[in-house]
């Protein structure tokens, strides 16, 4: 059973309570016996796998030229670098 964080609406006490998934998100405060509501918190994100790269989200216009798109000058070896 999961553990949930609750806060009392009357005395603002925060406490943890183990409940089933099917239980309603309302509980009694252990201090003042007032109504307590479940506090929702963000879930941590875990990235698993090989990773994410800048090239994964680039569009078609951002790609490097392939060998087919080289000019005749580049193919002939008359580029600029010796």
C-alpha atoms as a PDB file:
ATOM      1  CA  UNK A   1       0.000   0.000   0.000  1.00  0.00           C
ATOM      2  CA  UNK A   2       1.302   3.475  -0.853  1.00  0.00           C
ATOM      3  CA  UNK A   3       2.072   6.187   1.688  1.00  0.00           C
ATOM      4  CA  UNK A   4       0.393   9.564   1.145  1.00  0.00           C
ATOM      5  CA  UNK A   5       1.099  12.987   2.613  1.00  0.00           C
ATOM      6  CA  UNK A   6      -1.858  14.743   4.264  1.00  0.00           C
ATOM      7  CA  UNK A   7      -2.452  18.234   5.689  1.00  0.00           C
ATOM      8  CA  UNK A   8      -5.129  19.082   8.238  1.00  0.00           C
ATOM      9  CA  UNK A   9      -7.488  21.864   7.146  1.00  0.00           C
ATOM     10  CA  UNK A  10      -7.937  22.995  10.765  1.00  0.00           C
ATOM     11  CA  UNK A  11      -4.488  22.935  12.430  1.00  0.00           C
ATOM     12  CA  UNK A  12      -2.291  22.674   9.256  1.00  0.00           C
ATOM     13  CA  UNK A  13      -0.491  19.579  10.619  1.00  0.00           C
ATOM     14  CA  UNK A  14       1.242  17.496   7.954  1.00  0.00           C
ATOM     15  CA  UNK A  15       1.379  13.729   8.393  1.00  0.00           C
ATOM     16  CA  UNK A  16       1.781  10.551   6.367  1.00  0.00           C
ATOM     17  CA  UNK A  17      -0.823   7.832   6.071  1.00  0.00           C
ATOM     18  CA  UNK A  18      -0.747   4.435   4.356  1.00  0.00           C
ATOM     19  CA  UNK A  19      -3.873   3.874   2.316  1.00  0.00           C
ATOM     20  CA  UNK A  20      -5.135   1.765  -0.540  1.00  0.00           C
ATOM     21  CA  UNK A  21      -5.461   3.220  -4.040  1.00  0.00           C
ATOM     22  CA  UNK A  22      -9.235   2.921  -3.744  1.00  0.00           C
ATOM     23  CA  UNK A  23      -9.589   4.889  -0.468  1.00  0.00           C
ATOM     24  CA  UNK A  24     -10.942   8.437  -0.644  1.00  0.00           C
ATOM     25  CA  UNK A  25      -8.332  11.226  -0.272  1.00  0.00           C
ATOM     26  CA  UNK A  26      -9.815  12.374   3.063  1.00  0.00           C
ATOM     27  CA  UNK A  27      -8.549  11.390   6.526  1.00  0.00           C
ATOM     28  CA  UNK A  28      -8.856  12.469  10.170  1.00  0.00           C
ATOM     29  CA  UNK A  29      -6.072  14.539  11.735  1.00  0.00           C
ATOM     30  CA  UNK A  30      -4.285  12.619  14.530  1.00  0.00           C
ATOM     31  CA  UNK A  31      -3.934  15.839  16.619  1.00  0.00           C
ATOM     32  CA  UNK A  32      -7.232  17.734  16.428  1.00  0.00           C
ATOM     33  CA  UNK A  33      -9.416  15.099  14.715  1.00  0.00           C
ATOM     34  CA  UNK A  34     -10.234  17.613  11.953  1.00  0.00           C
ATOM     35  CA  UNK A  35     -10.527  16.848   8.257  1.00  0.00           C
ATOM     36  CA  UNK A  36      -7.261  16.360   6.414  1.00  0.00           C
ATOM     37  CA  UNK A  37      -6.765  16.365   2.655  1.00  0.00           C
ATOM     38  CA  UNK A  38      -4.169  14.598   0.560  1.00  0.00           C
ATOM     39  CA  UNK A  39      -1.269  16.730  -0.696  1.00  0.00           C
ATOM     40  CA  UNK A  40      -0.155  15.997  -4.220  1.00  0.00           C
ATOM     41  CA  UNK A  41       3.475  16.500  -5.116  1.00  0.00           C
ATOM     42  CA  UNK A  42       5.299  16.268  -8.448  1.00  0.00           C
ATOM     43  CA  UNK A  43       6.696  12.913  -9.446  1.00  0.00           C
ATOM     44  CA  UNK A  44      10.449  12.803 -10.089  1.00  0.00           C
ATOM     45  CA  UNK A  45      11.450  12.188 -13.695  1.00  0.00           C
ATOM     46  CA  UNK A  46      14.021   9.478 -14.350  1.00  0.00           C
ATOM     47  CA  UNK A  47      15.630   9.353 -17.785  1.00  0.00           C
ATOM     48  CA  UNK A  48      16.876   5.883 -18.650  1.00  0.00           C
ATOM     49  CA  UNK A  49      18.447   4.642 -21.830  1.00  0.00           C
ATOM     50  CA  UNK A  50      21.089   5.991 -24.178  1.00  0.00           C
ATOM     51  CA  UNK A  51      20.068   9.618 -23.623  1.00  0.00           C
ATOM     52  CA  UNK A  52      18.700  12.542 -25.526  1.00  0.00           C
ATOM     53  CA  UNK A  53      20.684  14.503 -28.043  1.00  0.00           C
ATOM     54  CA  UNK A  54      20.244  17.798 -29.840  1.00  0.00           C
ATOM     55  CA  UNK A  55      20.057  15.933 -33.149  1.00  0.00           C
ATOM     56  CA  UNK A  56      16.978  13.980 -32.000  1.00  0.00           C
ATOM     57  CA  UNK A  57      14.671  16.995 -32.322  1.00  0.00           C
ATOM     58  CA  UNK A  58      16.090  18.814 -35.330  1.00  0.00           C
ATOM     59  CA  UNK A  59      13.965  19.406 -38.379  1.00  0.00           C
ATOM     60  CA  UNK A  60      14.868  18.498 -41.974  1.00  0.00           C
ATOM     61  CA  UNK A  61      16.391  21.923 -42.659  1.00  0.00           C
ATOM     62  CA  UNK A  62      18.997  21.565 -39.889  1.00  0.00           C
ATOM     63  CA  UNK A  63      20.696  18.408 -41.165  1.00  0.00           C
ATOM     64  CA  UNK A  64      24.271  18.261 -42.398  1.00  0.00           C
ATOM     65  CA  UNK A  65      24.656  17.793 -46.163  1.00  0.00           C
ATOM     66  CA  UNK A  66      25.172  14.231 -47.409  1.00  0.00           C
ATOM     67  CA  UNK A  67      27.660  13.171 -50.024  1.00  0.00           C
ATOM     68  CA  UNK A  68      24.997  13.587 -52.757  1.00  0.00           C
ATOM     69  CA  UNK A  69      24.544  17.278 -52.019  1.00  0.00           C
ATOM     70  CA  UNK A  70      28.226  18.159 -52.373  1.00  0.00           C
ATOM     71  CA  UNK A  71      29.072  20.436 -55.258  1.00  0.00           C
ATOM     72  CA  UNK A  72      31.209  19.385 -58.203  1.00  0.00           C
ATOM     73  CA  UNK A  73      34.007  21.570 -56.869  1.00  0.00           C
ATOM     74  CA  UNK A  74      34.020  19.719 -53.527  1.00  0.00           C
ATOM     75  CA  UNK A  75      33.961  16.309 -55.236  1.00  0.00           C
ATOM     76  CA  UNK A  76      36.830  17.260 -57.565  1.00  0.00           C
ATOM     77  CA  UNK A  77      39.011  18.114 -54.605  1.00  0.00           C
ATOM     78  CA  UNK A  78      39.200  21.800 -55.355  1.00  0.00           C
ATOM     79  CA  UNK A  79      37.683  22.666 -51.936  1.00  0.00           C
ATOM     80  CA  UNK A  80      39.803  25.134 -49.988  1.00  0.00           C
ATOM     81  CA  UNK A  81      41.704  23.111 -47.448  1.00  0.00           C
ATOM     82  CA  UNK A  82      45.020  21.584 -48.607  1.00  0.00           C
END
